[in-house]
Amino acid sequence: MSTTLNLTGYQLSQVANAKLEELGMEPIPSQMIYNYIRKGYIASVELVENGKTVRRVELEAAKVWLKSFIEGRRNTSNTLAELLKEF
């Protein structure tokens, strides 16, 4: 039995949106998370649940992605703020 916590895309979006809200940032739709998983932007593993193959995100991979996503949003916001100062 594995002790690794695996999250669905929906669960990851709930965690991510709670953190984004805490930081005063816009939430992201859960479908965006599923697309990121499908495209490989968020590392995931294939598991078989009830005879169906599903993709899940391990907790550590979720933490790495969320940290990177938040930093990207912060950098984009800072860049836009700097650009707007010049107008």
PDB file of N, CA and C in Angstrom:
ATOM      1  N   MET A   1       0.834  -1.178   0.000  1.00  0.00           N
ATOM      2  CA  MET A   1       0.000   0.000   0.000  1.00  0.00           C
ATOM      3  C   MET A   1       0.880   1.244   0.000  1.00  0.00           C
ATOM      4  N   SER A   2       0.557   2.183  -0.883  1.00  0.00           N
ATOM      5  CA  SER A   2       1.333   3.411  -1.010  1.00  0.00           C
ATOM      6  C   SER A   2       0.855   4.444   0.000  1.00  0.00           C
ATOM      7  N   THR A   3       1.800   5.165   0.599  1.00  0.00           N
ATOM      8  CA  THR A   3       1.434   6.228   1.538  1.00  0.00           C
ATOM      9  C   THR A   3       1.506   7.593   0.874  1.00  0.00           C
ATOM     10  N   THR A   4       1.755   7.615  -0.433  1.00  0.00           N
ATOM     11  CA  THR A   4       1.827   8.872  -1.168  1.00  0.00           C
ATOM     12  C   THR A   4       0.419   9.400  -1.403  1.00  0.00           C
ATOM     13  N   LEU A   5       0.217  10.675  -1.098  1.00  0.00           N
ATOM     14  CA  LEU A   5      -1.082  11.295  -1.326  1.00  0.00           C
ATOM     15  C   LEU A   5      -1.168  11.726  -2.778  1.00  0.00           C
ATOM     16  N   ASN A   6      -2.199  11.265  -3.474  1.00  0.00           N
ATOM     17  CA  ASN A   6      -2.419  11.609  -4.873  1.00  0.00           C
ATOM     18  C   ASN A   6      -3.689  12.438  -4.985  1.00  0.00           C
ATOM     19  N   LEU A   7      -3.601  13.549  -5.703  1.00  0.00           N
ATOM     20  CA  LEU A   7      -4.723  14.465  -5.852  1.00  0.00           C
ATOM     21  C   LEU A   7      -5.328  14.392  -7.243  1.00  0.00           C
ATOM     22  N   THR A   8      -6.637  14.534  -7.319  1.00  0.00           N
ATOM     23  CA  THR A   8      -7.292  14.699  -8.616  1.00  0.00           C
ATOM     24  C   THR A   8      -7.070  16.146  -9.058  1.00  0.00           C
ATOM     25  N   GLY A   9      -7.363  16.426 -10.300  1.00  0.00           N
ATOM     26  CA  GLY A   9      -7.249  17.800 -10.785  1.00  0.00           C
ATOM     27  C   GLY A   9      -8.151  18.737 -10.010  1.00  0.00           C
ATOM     28  N   TYR A  10      -9.349  18.269  -9.680  1.00  0.00           N
ATOM     29  CA  TYR A  10     -10.292  19.090  -8.912  1.00  0.00           C
ATOM     30  C   TYR A  10      -9.749  19.397  -7.521  1.00  0.00           C
ATOM     31  N   GLN A  11      -9.225  18.376  -6.857  1.00  0.00           N
ATOM     32  CA  GLN A  11      -8.657  18.582  -5.524  1.00  0.00           C
ATOM     33  C   GLN A  11      -7.495  19.564  -5.578  1.00  0.00           C
ATOM     34  N   LEU A  12      -6.648  19.426  -6.587  1.00  0.00           N
ATOM     35  CA  LEU A  12      -5.526  20.343  -6.731  1.00  0.00           C
ATOM     36  C   LEU A  12      -6.013  21.759  -6.977  1.00  0.00           C
ATOM     37  N   SER A  13      -7.059  21.924  -7.769  1.00  0.00           N
ATOM     38  CA  SER A  13      -7.578  23.271  -8.028  1.00  0.00           C
ATOM     39  C   SER A  13      -8.140  23.891  -6.750  1.00  0.00           C
ATOM     40  N   GLN A  14      -8.763  23.083  -5.899  1.00  0.00           N
ATOM     41  CA  GLN A  14      -9.285  23.610  -4.636  1.00  0.00           C
ATOM     42  C   GLN A  14      -8.158  24.087  -3.726  1.00  0.00           C
ATOM     43  N   VAL A  15      -7.094  23.311  -3.637  1.00  0.00           N
ATOM     44  CA  VAL A  15      -5.937  23.692  -2.832  1.00  0.00           C
ATOM     45  C   VAL A  15      -5.277  24.944  -3.421  1.00  0.00           C
ATOM     46  N   ALA A  16      -5.074  24.930  -4.730  1.00  0.00           N
ATOM     47  CA  ALA A  16      -4.428  26.069  -5.403  1.00  0.00           C
ATOM     48  C   ALA A  16      -5.257  27.337  -5.227  1.00  0.00           C
ATOM     49  N   ASN A  17      -6.566  27.239  -5.401  1.00  0.00           N
ATOM     50  CA  ASN A  17      -7.413  28.424  -5.289  1.00  0.00           C
ATOM     51  C   ASN A  17      -7.475  28.963  -3.862  1.00  0.00           C
ATOM     52  N   ALA A  18      -7.402  28.087  -2.881  1.00  0.00           N
ATOM     53  CA  ALA A  18      -7.358  28.541  -1.484  1.00  0.00           C
ATOM     54  C   ALA A  18      -6.079  29.345  -1.247  1.00  0.00           C
ATOM     55  N   LYS A  19      -4.963  28.852  -1.777  1.00  0.00           N
ATOM     56  CA  LYS A  19      -3.685  29.556  -1.604  1.00  0.00           C
ATOM     57  C   LYS A  19      -3.694  30.864  -2.390  1.00  0.00           C
ATOM     58  N   LEU A  20      -4.205  30.846  -3.611  1.00  0.00           N
ATOM     59  CA  LEU A  20      -4.269  32.066  -4.417  1.00  0.00           C
ATOM     60  C   LEU A  20      -5.148  33.117  -3.744  1.00  0.00           C
ATOM     61  N   GLU A  21      -6.265  32.694  -3.180  1.00  0.00           N
ATOM     62  CA  GLU A  21      -7.151  33.625  -2.478  1.00  0.00           C
ATOM     63  C   GLU A  21      -6.434  34.242  -1.276  1.00  0.00           C
ATOM     64  N   GLU A  22      -5.712  33.406  -0.556  1.00  0.00           N
ATOM     65  CA  GLU A  22      -4.942  33.871   0.602  1.00  0.00           C
ATOM     66  C   GLU A  22      -3.934  34.949   0.195  1.00  0.00           C
ATOM     67  N   LEU A  23      -3.390  34.821  -1.013  1.00  0.00           N
ATOM     68  CA  LEU A  23      -2.390  35.766  -1.513  1.00  0.00           C
ATOM     69  C   LEU A  23      -3.014  36.935  -2.279  1.00  0.00           C
ATOM     70  N   GLY A  24      -4.341  36.947  -2.376  1.00  0.00           N
ATOM     71  CA  GLY A  24      -5.026  38.029  -3.075  1.00  0.00           C
ATOM     72  C   GLY A  24      -4.945  37.921  -4.589  1.00  0.00           C
ATOM     73  N   MET A  25      -4.781  36.709  -5.108  1.00  0.00           N
ATOM     74  CA  MET A  25      -4.679  36.481  -6.549  1.00  0.00           C
ATOM     75  C   MET A  25      -5.967  35.866  -7.081  1.00  0.00           C
ATOM     76  N   GLU A  26      -6.169  36.000  -8.385  1.00  0.00           N
ATOM     77  CA  GLU A  26      -7.351  35.445  -9.046  1.00  0.00           C
ATOM     78  C   GLU A  26      -7.316  33.916  -9.012  1.00  0.00           C
ATOM     79  N   PRO A  27      -8.480  33.278  -8.819  1.00  0.00           N
ATOM     80  CA  PRO A  27      -8.536  31.813  -8.835  1.00  0.00           C
ATOM     81  C   PRO A  27      -8.380  31.281 -10.259  1.00  0.00           C
ATOM     82  N   ILE A  28      -8.129  29.988 -10.346  1.00  0.00           N
ATOM     83  CA  ILE A  28      -8.015  29.336 -11.644  1.00  0.00           C
ATOM     84  C   ILE A  28      -9.099  28.266 -11.752  1.00  0.00           C
ATOM     85  N   PRO A  29      -9.660  28.076 -12.943  1.00  0.00           N
ATOM     86  CA  PRO A  29     -10.691  27.043 -13.097  1.00  0.00           C
ATOM     87  C   PRO A  29     -10.079  25.642 -13.012  1.00  0.00           C
ATOM     88  N   SER A  30     -10.846  24.710 -12.462  1.00  0.00           N
ATOM     89  CA  SER A  30     -10.325  23.347 -12.321  1.00  0.00           C
ATOM     90  C   SER A  30     -10.017  22.723 -13.676  1.00  0.00           C
ATOM     91  N   GLN A  31     -10.737  23.120 -14.734  1.00  0.00           N
ATOM     92  CA  GLN A  31     -10.468  22.570 -16.061  1.00  0.00           C
ATOM     93  C   GLN A  31      -9.054  22.918 -16.523  1.00  0.00           C
ATOM     94  N   MET A  32      -8.565  24.077 -16.099  1.00  0.00           N
ATOM     95  CA  MET A  32      -7.202  24.487 -16.442  1.00  0.00           C
ATOM     96  C   MET A  32      -6.187  23.510 -15.840  1.00  0.00           C
ATOM     97  N   ILE A  33      -6.453  23.068 -14.626  1.00  0.00           N
ATOM     98  CA  ILE A  33      -5.573  22.091 -13.975  1.00  0.00           C
ATOM     99  C   ILE A  33      -5.583  20.782 -14.758  1.00  0.00           C
ATOM    100  N   TYR A  34      -6.765  20.318 -15.141  1.00  0.00           N
ATOM    101  CA  TYR A  34      -6.854  19.075 -15.925  1.00  0.00           C
ATOM    102  C   TYR A  34      -6.088  19.203 -17.240  1.00  0.00           C
ATOM    103  N   ASN A  35      -6.179  20.358 -17.882  1.00  0.00           N
ATOM    104  CA  ASN A  35      -5.429  20.573 -19.126  1.00  0.00           C
ATOM    105  C   ASN A  35      -3.929  20.565 -18.869  1.00  0.00           C
ATOM    106  N   TYR A  36      -3.493  21.199 -17.792  1.00  0.00           N
ATOM    107  CA  TYR A  36      -2.069  21.199 -17.449  1.00  0.00           C
ATOM    108  C   TYR A  36      -1.567  19.781 -17.178  1.00  0.00           C
ATOM    109  N   ILE A  37      -2.399  18.977 -16.512  1.00  0.00           N
ATOM    110  CA  ILE A  37      -2.022  17.581 -16.246  1.00  0.00           C
ATOM    111  C   ILE A  37      -1.924  16.827 -17.568  1.00  0.00           C
ATOM    112  N   ARG A  38      -2.940  16.984 -18.414  1.00  0.00           N
ATOM    113  CA  ARG A  38      -2.975  16.277 -19.711  1.00  0.00           C
ATOM    114  C   ARG A  38      -1.779  16.642 -20.581  1.00  0.00           C
ATOM    115  N   LYS A  39      -1.404  17.926 -20.579  1.00  0.00           N
ATOM    116  CA  LYS A  39      -0.294  18.391 -21.411  1.00  0.00           C
ATOM    117  C   LYS A  39       1.078  18.132 -20.781  1.00  0.00           C
ATOM    118  N   GLY A  40       1.092  17.680 -19.528  1.00  0.00           N
ATOM    119  CA  GLY A  40       2.363  17.372 -18.870  1.00  0.00           C
ATOM    120  C   GLY A  40       3.008  18.554 -18.173  1.00  0.00           C
ATOM    121  N   TYR A  41       2.301  19.679 -18.058  1.00  0.00           N
ATOM    122  CA  TYR A  41       2.854  20.838 -17.337  1.00  0.00           C
ATOM    123  C   TYR A  41       2.899  20.573 -15.837  1.00  0.00           C
ATOM    124  N   ILE A  42       2.003  19.720 -15.366  1.00  0.00           N
ATOM    125  CA  ILE A  42       2.000  19.273 -13.974  1.00  0.00           C
ATOM    126  C   ILE A  42       2.312  17.784 -13.998  1.00  0.00           C
ATOM    127  N   ALA A  43       3.380  17.391 -13.313  1.00  0.00           N
ATOM    128  CA  ALA A  43       3.779  15.982 -13.286  1.00  0.00           C
ATOM    129  C   ALA A  43       2.674  15.148 -12.640  1.00  0.00           C
ATOM    130  N   SER A  44       2.382  14.011 -13.252  1.00  0.00           N
ATOM    131  CA  SER A  44       1.321  13.150 -12.724  1.00  0.00           C
ATOM    132  C   SER A  44       1.700  11.691 -12.918  1.00  0.00           C
ATOM    133  N   VAL A  45       0.929  10.840 -12.277  1.00  0.00           N
ATOM    134  CA  VAL A  45       1.137   9.394 -12.390  1.00  0.00           C
ATOM    135  C   VAL A  45      -0.159   8.755 -12.858  1.00  0.00           C
ATOM    136  N   GLU A  46      -0.038   7.646 -13.556  1.00  0.00           N
ATOM    137  CA  GLU A  46      -1.212   6.887 -13.989  1.00  0.00           C
ATOM    138  C   GLU A  46      -1.518   5.836 -12.939  1.00  0.00           C
ATOM    139  N   LEU A  47      -2.772   5.782 -12.544  1.00  0.00           N
ATOM    140  CA  LEU A  47      -3.229   4.783 -11.585  1.00  0.00           C
ATOM    141  C   LEU A  47      -4.453   4.083 -12.162  1.00  0.00           C
ATOM    142  N   VAL A  48      -4.722   2.886 -11.669  1.00  0.00           N
ATOM    143  CA  VAL A  48      -5.927   2.178 -12.067  1.00  0.00           C
ATOM    144  C   VAL A  48      -6.873   2.200 -10.870  1.00  0.00           C
ATOM    145  N   GLU A  49      -8.044   2.819 -11.079  1.00  0.00           N
ATOM    146  CA  GLU A  49      -9.067   2.887 -10.033  1.00  0.00           C
ATOM    147  C   GLU A  49     -10.365   2.337 -10.599  1.00  0.00           C
ATOM    148  N   ASN A  50     -10.899   1.342  -9.936  1.00  0.00           N
ATOM    149  CA  ASN A  50     -12.146   0.709 -10.373  1.00  0.00           C
ATOM    150  C   ASN A  50     -12.078   0.272 -11.835  1.00  0.00           C
ATOM    151  N   GLY A  51     -10.923  -0.248 -12.241  1.00  0.00           N
ATOM    152  CA  GLY A  51     -10.764  -0.752 -13.597  1.00  0.00           C
ATOM    153  C   GLY A  51     -10.507   0.317 -14.644  1.00  0.00           C
ATOM    154  N   LYS A  52     -10.429   1.579 -14.249  1.00  0.00           N
ATOM    155  CA  LYS A  52     -10.183   2.674 -15.187  1.00  0.00           C
ATOM    156  C   LYS A  52      -8.824   3.292 -14.899  1.00  0.00           C
ATOM    157  N   THR A  53      -8.113   3.663 -15.962  1.00  0.00           N
ATOM    158  CA  THR A  53      -6.828   4.339 -15.810  1.00  0.00           C
ATOM    159  C   THR A  53      -7.088   5.825 -15.630  1.00  0.00           C
ATOM    160  N   VAL A  54      -6.524   6.386 -14.561  1.00  0.00           N
ATOM    161  CA  VAL A  54      -6.702   7.809 -14.253  1.00  0.00           C
ATOM    162  C   VAL A  54      -5.343   8.436 -13.982  1.00  0.00           C
ATOM    163  N   ARG A  55      -5.273   9.756 -14.125  1.00  0.00           N
ATOM    164  CA  ARG A  55      -4.041  10.487 -13.826  1.00  0.00           C
ATOM    165  C   ARG A  55      -4.241  11.225 -12.515  1.00  0.00           C
ATOM    166  N   ARG A  56      -3.244  11.136 -11.645  1.00  0.00           N
ATOM    167  CA  ARG A  56      -3.280  11.813 -10.356  1.00  0.00           C
ATOM    168  C   ARG A  56      -1.959  12.554 -10.157  1.00  0.00           C
ATOM    169  N   VAL A  57      -2.011  13.589  -9.352  1.00  0.00           N
ATOM    170  CA  VAL A  57      -0.823  14.386  -9.054  1.00  0.00           C
ATOM    171  C   VAL A  57      -0.385  14.070  -7.630  1.00  0.00           C
ATOM    172  N   GLU A  58       0.870  13.642  -7.492  1.00  0.00           N
ATOM    173  CA  GLU A  58       1.388  13.359  -6.160  1.00  0.00           C
ATOM    174  C   GLU A  58       1.570  14.684  -5.414  1.00  0.00           C
ATOM    175  N   LEU A  59       1.436  14.630  -4.106  1.00  0.00           N
ATOM    176  CA  LEU A  59       1.475  15.838  -3.284  1.00  0.00           C
ATOM    177  C   LEU A  59       2.739  16.661  -3.524  1.00  0.00           C
ATOM    178  N   GLU A  60       3.885  16.020  -3.584  1.00  0.00           N
ATOM    179  CA  GLU A  60       5.140  16.762  -3.787  1.00  0.00           C
ATOM    180  C   GLU A  60       5.170  17.455  -5.147  1.00  0.00           C
ATOM    181  N   ALA A  61       4.675  16.783  -6.180  1.00  0.00           N
ATOM    182  CA  ALA A  61       4.616  17.394  -7.516  1.00  0.00           C
ATOM    183  C   ALA A  61       3.642  18.564  -7.510  1.00  0.00           C
ATOM    184  N   ALA A  62       2.548  18.450  -6.759  1.00  0.00           N
ATOM    185  CA  ALA A  62       1.572  19.535  -6.656  1.00  0.00           C
ATOM    186  C   ALA A  62       2.204  20.752  -5.992  1.00  0.00           C
ATOM    187  N   LYS A  63       2.985  20.529  -4.949  1.00  0.00           N
ATOM    188  CA  LYS A  63       3.661  21.638  -4.252  1.00  0.00           C
ATOM    189  C   LYS A  63       4.645  22.348  -5.180  1.00  0.00           C
ATOM    190  N   VAL A  64       5.410  21.569  -5.936  1.00  0.00           N
ATOM    191  CA  VAL A  64       6.387  22.145  -6.865  1.00  0.00           C
ATOM    192  C   VAL A  64       5.671  22.984  -7.922  1.00  0.00           C
ATOM    193  N   TRP A  65       4.604  22.435  -8.506  1.00  0.00           N
ATOM    194  CA  TRP A  65       3.872  23.166  -9.531  1.00  0.00           C
ATOM    195  C   TRP A  65       3.242  24.441  -8.967  1.00  0.00           C
ATOM    196  N   LEU A  66       2.604  24.341  -7.801  1.00  0.00           N
ATOM    197  CA  LEU A  66       1.919  25.501  -7.236  1.00  0.00           C
ATOM    198  C   LEU A  66       2.900  26.620  -6.915  1.00  0.00           C
ATOM    199  N   LYS A  67       4.037  26.275  -6.365  1.00  0.00           N
ATOM    200  CA  LYS A  67       5.062  27.289  -6.069  1.00  0.00           C
ATOM    201  C   LYS A  67       5.491  27.985  -7.358  1.00  0.00           C
ATOM    202  N   SER A  68       5.735  27.212  -8.402  1.00  0.00           N
ATOM    203  CA  SER A  68       6.147  27.763  -9.690  1.00  0.00           C
ATOM    204  C   SER A  68       5.042  28.627 -10.296  1.00  0.00           C
ATOM    205  N   PHE A  69       3.795  28.167 -10.202  1.00  0.00           N
ATOM    206  CA  PHE A  69       2.659  28.902 -10.751  1.00  0.00           C
ATOM    207  C   PHE A  69       2.490  30.252 -10.057  1.00  0.00           C
ATOM    208  N   ILE A  70       2.592  30.252  -8.738  1.00  0.00           N
ATOM    209  CA  ILE A  70       2.451  31.493  -7.975  1.00  0.00           C
ATOM    210  C   ILE A  70       3.576  32.458  -8.314  1.00  0.00           C
ATOM    211  N   GLU A  71       4.795  31.962  -8.401  1.00  0.00           N
ATOM    212  CA  GLU A  71       5.922  32.827  -8.767  1.00  0.00           C
ATOM    213  C   GLU A  71       5.729  33.418 -10.158  1.00  0.00           C
ATOM    214  N   GLY A  72       5.232  32.609 -11.078  1.00  0.00           N
ATOM    215  CA  GLY A  72       4.965  33.098 -12.426  1.00  0.00           C
ATOM    216  C   GLY A  72       3.921  34.198 -12.433  1.00  0.00           C
ATOM    217  N   ARG A  73       2.883  34.013 -11.643  1.00  0.00           N
ATOM    218  CA  ARG A  73       1.846  35.052 -11.540  1.00  0.00           C
ATOM    219  C   ARG A  73       2.412  36.321 -10.922  1.00  0.00           C
ATOM    220  N   ARG A  74       3.229  36.170  -9.911  1.00  0.00           N
ATOM    221  CA  ARG A  74       3.826  37.353  -9.270  1.00  0.00           C
ATOM    222  C   ARG A  74       4.717  38.098 -10.259  1.00  0.00           C
ATOM    223  N   ASN A  75       5.520  37.365 -10.996  1.00  0.00           N
ATOM    224  CA  ASN A  75       6.427  37.992 -11.959  1.00  0.00           C
ATOM    225  C   ASN A  75       5.650  38.673 -13.082  1.00  0.00           C
ATOM    226  N   THR A  76       4.601  38.047 -13.554  1.00  0.00           N
ATOM    227  CA  THR A  76       3.774  38.642 -14.602  1.00  0.00           C
ATOM    228  C   THR A  76       3.112  39.909 -14.091  1.00  0.00           C
ATOM    229  N   SER A  77       2.600  39.861 -12.872  1.00  0.00           N
ATOM    230  CA  SER A  77       1.947  41.037 -12.289  1.00  0.00           C
ATOM    231  C   SER A  77       2.932  42.183 -12.146  1.00  0.00           C
ATOM    232  N   ASN A  78       4.136  41.870 -11.698  1.00  0.00           N
ATOM    233  CA  ASN A  78       5.149  42.911 -11.529  1.00  0.00           C
ATOM    234  C   ASN A  78       5.536  43.515 -12.868  1.00  0.00           C
ATOM    235  N   THR A  79       5.670  42.671 -13.884  1.00  0.00           N
ATOM    236  CA  THR A  79       6.027  43.140 -15.209  1.00  0.00           C
ATOM    237  C   THR A  79       4.940  44.058 -15.765  1.00  0.00           C
ATOM    238  N   LEU A  80       3.688  43.658 -15.621  1.00  0.00           N
ATOM    239  CA  LEU A  80       2.579  44.472 -16.104  1.00  0.00           C
ATOM    240  C   LEU A  80       2.505  45.793 -15.350  1.00  0.00           C
ATOM    241  N   ALA A  81       2.734  45.753 -14.044  1.00  0.00           N
ATOM    242  CA  ALA A  81       2.701  46.982 -13.247  1.00  0.00           C
ATOM    243  C   ALA A  81       3.790  47.941 -13.713  1.00  0.00           C
ATOM    244  N   GLU A  82       4.963  47.417 -14.007  1.00  0.00           N
ATOM    245  CA  GLU A  82       6.060  48.256 -14.488  1.00  0.00           C
ATOM    246  C   GLU A  82       5.729  48.868 -15.845  1.00  0.00           C
ATOM    247  N   LEU A  83       5.138  48.064 -16.715  1.00  0.00           N
ATOM    248  CA  LEU A  83       4.761  48.570 -18.037  1.00  0.00           C
ATOM    249  C   LEU A  83       3.707  49.673 -17.936  1.00  0.00           C
ATOM    250  N   LEU A  84       2.748  49.482 -17.051  1.00  0.00           N
ATOM    251  CA  LEU A  84       1.679  50.466 -16.901  1.00  0.00           C
ATOM    252  C   LEU A  84       2.184  51.783 -16.327  1.00  0.00           C
ATOM    253  N   LYS A  85       3.239  51.754 -15.562  1.00  0.00           N
ATOM    254  CA  LYS A  85       3.821  52.987 -15.007  1.00  0.00           C
ATOM    255  C   LYS A  85       4.319  53.906 -16.113  1.00  0.00           C
ATOM    256  N   GLU A  86       4.741  53.319 -17.231  1.00  0.00           N
ATOM    257  CA  GLU A  86       5.312  54.096 -18.314  1.00  0.00           C
ATOM    258  C   GLU A  86       4.251  54.762 -19.180  1.00  0.00           C
ATOM    259  N   PHE A  87       2.992  54.422 -19.026  1.00  0.00           N
ATOM    260  CA  PHE A  87       1.933  55.009 -19.851  1.00  0.00           C
ATOM    261  C   PHE A  87       1.251  56.157 -19.141  1.00  0.00           C
TER     262      PHE A  87
END
